[in-house]
């Protein structure tokens, strides 16, 4: 069974649990239950193979799965990603690579400031790589956009590093449905994340 089938199975389970939670517990708990379903994945993350590198189409808050299925560094570990400054040691996205990413999606490069960022679908903080299969032009609008995804990335990184969830579960959650995770974070926690990572959530590519 490949990772795409596994992802579909877990998404199906998540939506089933969401429906039951909505019926029995009310709407307030639905997003939290959906988040828990995403976090319960135990299989190592295995990225799909990139099958397109042109005519890519953004799908709401997500990249084209054929162009940007996500990619991670081989043998990356929680211990590595939780070291302060880790991303500075692995970040390597040149202007020419960014241009290729934008061209693949039919978006002019460079974009107006604050409108897009060349985003790592699976962030470096969660073991994502700089491979073009992990990069896409993510817009700020409509929301949730790159500012909101940045908050989710930091939220998941905190949970990985404090041992609440595994690194692979966080990787699965980003790819399967990071918007579900965003919607499950309480307003109080979102405000705390905005303050803690203020510079991250106010800049564009």
C-alpha atoms as a PDB file:
ATOM      1  CA  UNK A   1       0.000   0.000   0.000  1.00  0.00           C
ATOM      2  CA  UNK A   2       1.597   3.293  -1.070  1.00  0.00           C
ATOM      3  CA  UNK A   3       1.620   6.547   0.888  1.00  0.00           C
ATOM      4  CA  UNK A   4      -1.171   8.063  -1.222  1.00  0.00           C
ATOM      5  CA  UNK A   5      -3.518   5.196  -0.262  1.00  0.00           C
ATOM      6  CA  UNK A   6      -2.510   5.508   3.376  1.00  0.00           C
ATOM      7  CA  UNK A   7      -3.162   9.247   3.271  1.00  0.00           C
ATOM      8  CA  UNK A   8      -6.626   8.696   1.775  1.00  0.00           C
ATOM      9  CA  UNK A   9      -7.454   6.106   4.432  1.00  0.00           C
ATOM     10  CA  UNK A  10      -6.444   8.439   7.253  1.00  0.00           C
ATOM     11  CA  UNK A  11      -8.305  11.343   5.719  1.00  0.00           C
ATOM     12  CA  UNK A  12     -11.384   9.136   5.497  1.00  0.00           C
ATOM     13  CA  UNK A  13     -11.001   8.204   9.148  1.00  0.00           C
ATOM     14  CA  UNK A  14     -10.519  11.873  10.048  1.00  0.00           C
ATOM     15  CA  UNK A  15     -13.693  12.924   8.273  1.00  0.00           C
ATOM     16  CA  UNK A  16     -15.663  10.048   9.852  1.00  0.00           C
ATOM     17  CA  UNK A  17     -14.480  11.077  13.297  1.00  0.00           C
ATOM     18  CA  UNK A  18     -15.267  14.705  12.490  1.00  0.00           C
ATOM     19  CA  UNK A  19     -18.833  13.766  11.586  1.00  0.00           C
ATOM     20  CA  UNK A  20     -19.345  11.739  14.747  1.00  0.00           C
ATOM     21  CA  UNK A  21     -17.782  14.435  16.900  1.00  0.00           C
ATOM     22  CA  UNK A  22     -19.988  17.073  15.340  1.00  0.00           C
ATOM     23  CA  UNK A  23     -23.074  14.988  16.087  1.00  0.00           C
ATOM     24  CA  UNK A  24     -22.217  14.041  19.645  1.00  0.00           C
ATOM     25  CA  UNK A  25     -20.054  16.862  20.966  1.00  0.00           C
ATOM     26  CA  UNK A  26     -20.968  19.949  18.948  1.00  0.00           C
ATOM     27  CA  UNK A  27     -19.052  22.036  16.462  1.00  0.00           C
ATOM     28  CA  UNK A  28     -16.440  23.419  18.888  1.00  0.00           C
ATOM     29  CA  UNK A  29     -14.730  20.053  19.250  1.00  0.00           C
ATOM     30  CA  UNK A  30     -14.834  19.010  15.590  1.00  0.00           C
ATOM     31  CA  UNK A  31     -11.582  20.650  14.488  1.00  0.00           C
ATOM     32  CA  UNK A  32      -9.704  19.343  17.521  1.00  0.00           C
ATOM     33  CA  UNK A  33     -10.857  15.785  16.859  1.00  0.00           C
ATOM     34  CA  UNK A  34      -9.836  16.101  13.204  1.00  0.00           C
ATOM     35  CA  UNK A  35      -6.403  17.308  14.322  1.00  0.00           C
ATOM     36  CA  UNK A  36      -6.043  14.308  16.622  1.00  0.00           C
ATOM     37  CA  UNK A  37      -6.874  11.991  13.733  1.00  0.00           C
ATOM     38  CA  UNK A  38      -4.132  13.554  11.620  1.00  0.00           C
ATOM     39  CA  UNK A  39      -1.637  13.327  14.483  1.00  0.00           C
ATOM     40  CA  UNK A  40      -2.376   9.643  15.065  1.00  0.00           C
ATOM     41  CA  UNK A  41      -0.538   8.548  11.904  1.00  0.00           C
ATOM     42  CA  UNK A  42       2.410   6.358  12.860  1.00  0.00           C
ATOM     43  CA  UNK A  43       3.855   5.361   9.476  1.00  0.00           C
ATOM     44  CA  UNK A  44       7.060   7.068   8.312  1.00  0.00           C
ATOM     45  CA  UNK A  45       6.369   9.791   5.779  1.00  0.00           C
ATOM     46  CA  UNK A  46       7.120   8.705   2.215  1.00  0.00           C
ATOM     47  CA  UNK A  47       6.656  11.431  -0.381  1.00  0.00           C
ATOM     48  CA  UNK A  48       4.908  10.808  -3.663  1.00  0.00           C
ATOM     49  CA  UNK A  49       6.973  11.144  -6.849  1.00  0.00           C
ATOM     50  CA  UNK A  50       6.742  14.436  -8.723  1.00  0.00           C
ATOM     51  CA  UNK A  51       5.032  13.729 -12.067  1.00  0.00           C
ATOM     52  CA  UNK A  52       4.724  17.269 -13.481  1.00  0.00           C
ATOM     53  CA  UNK A  53       6.990  20.303 -13.649  1.00  0.00           C
ATOM     54  CA  UNK A  54       4.814  22.647 -15.715  1.00  0.00           C
ATOM     55  CA  UNK A  55       1.181  23.740 -16.020  1.00  0.00           C
ATOM     56  CA  UNK A  56       0.875  23.345 -12.261  1.00  0.00           C
ATOM     57  CA  UNK A  57      -2.329  24.597 -10.643  1.00  0.00           C
ATOM     58  CA  UNK A  58      -2.746  25.833  -7.080  1.00  0.00           C
ATOM     59  CA  UNK A  59      -5.602  24.023  -5.355  1.00  0.00           C
ATOM     60  CA  UNK A  60      -7.022  26.360  -2.742  1.00  0.00           C
ATOM     61  CA  UNK A  61      -4.477  26.537   0.065  1.00  0.00           C
ATOM     62  CA  UNK A  62      -2.503  23.633  -1.345  1.00  0.00           C
ATOM     63  CA  UNK A  63      -0.036  23.099  -4.186  1.00  0.00           C
ATOM     64  CA  UNK A  64      -0.663  20.905  -7.205  1.00  0.00           C
ATOM     65  CA  UNK A  65       0.036  17.406  -5.798  1.00  0.00           C
ATOM     66  CA  UNK A  66       1.544  16.251  -9.106  1.00  0.00           C
ATOM     67  CA  UNK A  67       4.034  19.137  -9.078  1.00  0.00           C
ATOM     68  CA  UNK A  68       4.614  19.580  -5.352  1.00  0.00           C
ATOM     69  CA  UNK A  69       3.973  16.335  -3.476  1.00  0.00           C
ATOM     70  CA  UNK A  70       6.460  17.324  -0.787  1.00  0.00           C
ATOM     71  CA  UNK A  71       9.965  16.035  -0.104  1.00  0.00           C
ATOM     72  CA  UNK A  72      12.094  15.518   2.991  1.00  0.00           C
ATOM     73  CA  UNK A  73      15.789  15.141   3.690  1.00  0.00           C
ATOM     74  CA  UNK A  74      16.848  11.517   3.939  1.00  0.00           C
ATOM     75  CA  UNK A  75      17.562  10.392   7.494  1.00  0.00           C
ATOM     76  CA  UNK A  76      16.377  13.652   9.058  1.00  0.00           C
ATOM     77  CA  UNK A  77      15.472  13.257  12.731  1.00  0.00           C
ATOM     78  CA  UNK A  78      13.557  15.132  15.397  1.00  0.00           C
ATOM     79  CA  UNK A  79      16.814  15.727  17.248  1.00  0.00           C
ATOM     80  CA  UNK A  80      18.275  17.471  14.204  1.00  0.00           C
ATOM     81  CA  UNK A  81      15.277  19.697  13.493  1.00  0.00           C
ATOM     82  CA  UNK A  82      14.887  20.736  17.120  1.00  0.00           C
ATOM     83  CA  UNK A  83      18.377  22.210  17.376  1.00  0.00           C
ATOM     84  CA  UNK A  84      18.204  26.016  17.370  1.00  0.00           C
ATOM     85  CA  UNK A  85      19.476  27.372  14.051  1.00  0.00           C
ATOM     86  CA  UNK A  86      18.968  24.093  12.185  1.00  0.00           C
ATOM     87  CA  UNK A  87      17.138  25.675   9.237  1.00  0.00           C
ATOM     88  CA  UNK A  88      20.009  28.101   8.585  1.00  0.00           C
ATOM     89  CA  UNK A  89      22.313  25.140   8.020  1.00  0.00           C
ATOM     90  CA  UNK A  90      20.081  23.463   5.426  1.00  0.00           C
ATOM     91  CA  UNK A  91      18.199  26.268   3.664  1.00  0.00           C
ATOM     92  CA  UNK A  92      19.325  26.526   0.042  1.00  0.00           C
ATOM     93  CA  UNK A  93      16.845  27.975  -2.449  1.00  0.00           C
ATOM     94  CA  UNK A  94      18.467  30.124  -5.105  1.00  0.00           C
ATOM     95  CA  UNK A  95      16.745  32.886  -7.062  1.00  0.00           C
ATOM     96  CA  UNK A  96      16.962  30.723 -10.177  1.00  0.00           C
ATOM     97  CA  UNK A  97      15.216  27.841  -8.412  1.00  0.00           C
ATOM     98  CA  UNK A  98      12.497  30.177  -7.153  1.00  0.00           C
ATOM     99  CA  UNK A  99      12.003  31.414 -10.698  1.00  0.00           C
ATOM    100  CA  UNK A 100      11.538  27.832 -11.937  1.00  0.00           C
ATOM    101  CA  UNK A 101       8.959  27.221  -9.204  1.00  0.00           C
ATOM    102  CA  UNK A 102       6.957  30.313 -10.136  1.00  0.00           C
ATOM    103  CA  UNK A 103       7.196  29.515 -13.848  1.00  0.00           C
ATOM    104  CA  UNK A 104       5.879  26.008 -13.252  1.00  0.00           C
ATOM    105  CA  UNK A 105       2.767  27.540 -11.714  1.00  0.00           C
ATOM    106  CA  UNK A 106       2.419  30.263 -14.338  1.00  0.00           C
ATOM    107  CA  UNK A 107       3.090  33.102 -11.885  1.00  0.00           C
ATOM    108  CA  UNK A 108       5.344  36.039 -12.743  1.00  0.00           C
ATOM    109  CA  UNK A 109       8.596  36.252 -10.786  1.00  0.00           C
ATOM    110  CA  UNK A 110       9.392  38.205  -8.745  1.00  0.00           C
ATOM    111  CA  UNK A 111       5.854  38.744  -7.454  1.00  0.00           C
ATOM    112  CA  UNK A 112       4.722  42.004  -5.800  1.00  0.00           C
ATOM    113  CA  UNK A 113       6.052  42.113  -2.239  1.00  0.00           C
ATOM    114  CA  UNK A 114       3.860  40.348   0.274  1.00  0.00           C
ATOM    115  CA  UNK A 115       1.653  38.581  -2.268  1.00  0.00           C
ATOM    116  CA  UNK A 116       3.491  35.250  -2.500  1.00  0.00           C
ATOM    117  CA  UNK A 117       6.341  33.353  -0.942  1.00  0.00           C
ATOM    118  CA  UNK A 118       8.309  30.441  -2.345  1.00  0.00           C
ATOM    119  CA  UNK A 119       7.138  28.023   0.298  1.00  0.00           C
ATOM    120  CA  UNK A 120       8.544  24.709   1.436  1.00  0.00           C
ATOM    121  CA  UNK A 121       5.386  22.564   1.459  1.00  0.00           C
ATOM    122  CA  UNK A 122       6.929  20.465   4.211  1.00  0.00           C
ATOM    123  CA  UNK A 123       8.887  23.136   6.110  1.00  0.00           C
ATOM    124  CA  UNK A 124      12.567  22.870   6.853  1.00  0.00           C
ATOM    125  CA  UNK A 125      11.671  22.884  10.553  1.00  0.00           C
ATOM    126  CA  UNK A 126       9.869  19.566  10.002  1.00  0.00           C
ATOM    127  CA  UNK A 127      12.561  17.945   7.876  1.00  0.00           C
ATOM    128  CA  UNK A 128      11.410  19.244   4.493  1.00  0.00           C
ATOM    129  CA  UNK A 129      14.042  19.520   1.763  1.00  0.00           C
ATOM    130  CA  UNK A 130      14.922  22.187  -0.797  1.00  0.00           C
ATOM    131  CA  UNK A 131      13.969  19.923  -3.695  1.00  0.00           C
ATOM    132  CA  UNK A 132      11.692  21.576  -6.269  1.00  0.00           C
ATOM    133  CA  UNK A 133       9.130  18.856  -5.488  1.00  0.00           C
ATOM    134  CA  UNK A 134       8.778  20.522  -2.079  1.00  0.00           C
ATOM    135  CA  UNK A 135       8.452  24.111  -3.305  1.00  0.00           C
ATOM    136  CA  UNK A 136       5.469  26.111  -4.533  1.00  0.00           C
ATOM    137  CA  UNK A 137       4.384  29.765  -4.761  1.00  0.00           C
ATOM    138  CA  UNK A 138       2.009  30.198  -1.848  1.00  0.00           C
ATOM    139  CA  UNK A 139      -0.207  33.281  -1.800  1.00  0.00           C
ATOM    140  CA  UNK A 140      -1.151  35.455   1.150  1.00  0.00           C
ATOM    141  CA  UNK A 141      -4.738  35.812  -0.059  1.00  0.00           C
ATOM    142  CA  UNK A 142      -7.276  34.367   0.128  1.00  0.00           C
ATOM    143  CA  UNK A 143      -6.756  33.176   3.649  1.00  0.00           C
ATOM    144  CA  UNK A 144      -5.603  30.815   4.955  1.00  0.00           C
ATOM    145  CA  UNK A 145      -2.417  31.645   3.076  1.00  0.00           C
ATOM    146  CA  UNK A 146       1.301  31.595   3.737  1.00  0.00           C
ATOM    147  CA  UNK A 147       1.081  33.634   6.949  1.00  0.00           C
ATOM    148  CA  UNK A 148      -1.366  31.140   8.426  1.00  0.00           C
ATOM    149  CA  UNK A 149       0.678  28.178   7.221  1.00  0.00           C
ATOM    150  CA  UNK A 150       3.753  29.663   8.906  1.00  0.00           C
ATOM    151  CA  UNK A 151       1.842  29.598  12.190  1.00  0.00           C
ATOM    152  CA  UNK A 152       0.897  25.954  11.644  1.00  0.00           C
ATOM    153  CA  UNK A 153       4.512  25.066  10.880  1.00  0.00           C
ATOM    154  CA  UNK A 154       5.714  26.636  14.115  1.00  0.00           C
ATOM    155  CA  UNK A 155       2.862  25.051  16.067  1.00  0.00           C
ATOM    156  CA  UNK A 156       3.759  21.598  14.738  1.00  0.00           C
ATOM    157  CA  UNK A 157       7.465  22.192  15.341  1.00  0.00           C
ATOM    158  CA  UNK A 158       6.742  22.996  18.980  1.00  0.00           C
ATOM    159  CA  UNK A 159       4.690  19.822  19.329  1.00  0.00           C
ATOM    160  CA  UNK A 160       7.417  17.698  17.734  1.00  0.00           C
ATOM    161  CA  UNK A 161      10.120  19.149  19.945  1.00  0.00           C
ATOM    162  CA  UNK A 162       8.153  18.815  23.174  1.00  0.00           C
ATOM    163  CA  UNK A 163       7.380  15.195  22.320  1.00  0.00           C
ATOM    164  CA  UNK A 164       3.619  15.621  21.812  1.00  0.00           C
ATOM    165  CA  UNK A 165       3.719  14.182  18.293  1.00  0.00           C
ATOM    166  CA  UNK A 166       6.265  12.459  16.082  1.00  0.00           C
ATOM    167  CA  UNK A 167       8.126  14.155  13.263  1.00  0.00           C
ATOM    168  CA  UNK A 168       6.493  11.834  10.731  1.00  0.00           C
ATOM    169  CA  UNK A 169       3.012  12.664  12.079  1.00  0.00           C
ATOM    170  CA  UNK A 170       3.730  16.361  11.622  1.00  0.00           C
ATOM    171  CA  UNK A 171       4.930  15.748   8.062  1.00  0.00           C
ATOM    172  CA  UNK A 172       1.795  13.754   7.270  1.00  0.00           C
ATOM    173  CA  UNK A 173      -0.413  16.458   8.820  1.00  0.00           C
ATOM    174  CA  UNK A 174       1.089  19.240   6.696  1.00  0.00           C
ATOM    175  CA  UNK A 175       0.649  17.327   3.447  1.00  0.00           C
ATOM    176  CA  UNK A 176      -2.722  15.753   4.241  1.00  0.00           C
ATOM    177  CA  UNK A 177      -4.438  18.927   5.443  1.00  0.00           C
ATOM    178  CA  UNK A 178      -2.557  21.717   7.187  1.00  0.00           C
ATOM    179  CA  UNK A 179      -5.740  23.831   7.078  1.00  0.00           C
ATOM    180  CA  UNK A 180      -7.450  21.350   9.431  1.00  0.00           C
ATOM    181  CA  UNK A 181      -4.575  21.859  11.860  1.00  0.00           C
ATOM    182  CA  UNK A 182      -4.860  25.646  11.536  1.00  0.00           C
ATOM    183  CA  UNK A 183      -8.597  25.546  12.237  1.00  0.00           C
ATOM    184  CA  UNK A 184      -8.000  23.419  15.327  1.00  0.00           C
ATOM    185  CA  UNK A 185      -5.598  25.850  17.013  1.00  0.00           C
ATOM    186  CA  UNK A 186      -7.327  27.957  19.657  1.00  0.00           C
ATOM    187  CA  UNK A 187      -7.462  31.757  19.221  1.00  0.00           C
ATOM    188  CA  UNK A 188      -5.296  32.117  22.323  1.00  0.00           C
ATOM    189  CA  UNK A 189      -2.614  29.826  20.924  1.00  0.00           C
ATOM    190  CA  UNK A 190      -2.776  31.537  17.523  1.00  0.00           C
ATOM    191  CA  UNK A 191      -2.198  34.935  19.121  1.00  0.00           C
ATOM    192  CA  UNK A 192       0.706  33.545  21.126  1.00  0.00           C
ATOM    193  CA  UNK A 193       2.256  32.108  17.952  1.00  0.00           C
ATOM    194  CA  UNK A 194       1.799  35.436  16.139  1.00  0.00           C
ATOM    195  CA  UNK A 195       3.637  37.250  18.919  1.00  0.00           C
ATOM    196  CA  UNK A 196       6.391  34.665  19.211  1.00  0.00           C
ATOM    197  CA  UNK A 197       7.025  34.516  15.465  1.00  0.00           C
ATOM    198  CA  UNK A 198       5.925  38.030  14.529  1.00  0.00           C
ATOM    199  CA  UNK A 199       8.629  38.586  11.915  1.00  0.00           C
ATOM    200  CA  UNK A 200       7.801  35.245  10.279  1.00  0.00           C
ATOM    201  CA  UNK A 201       4.135  36.075   9.832  1.00  0.00           C
ATOM    202  CA  UNK A 202       4.477  39.580   8.397  1.00  0.00           C
ATOM    203  CA  UNK A 203       6.864  39.111   5.504  1.00  0.00           C
ATOM    204  CA  UNK A 204       6.534  37.807   1.978  1.00  0.00           C
ATOM    205  CA  UNK A 205       8.929  36.391  -0.589  1.00  0.00           C
END
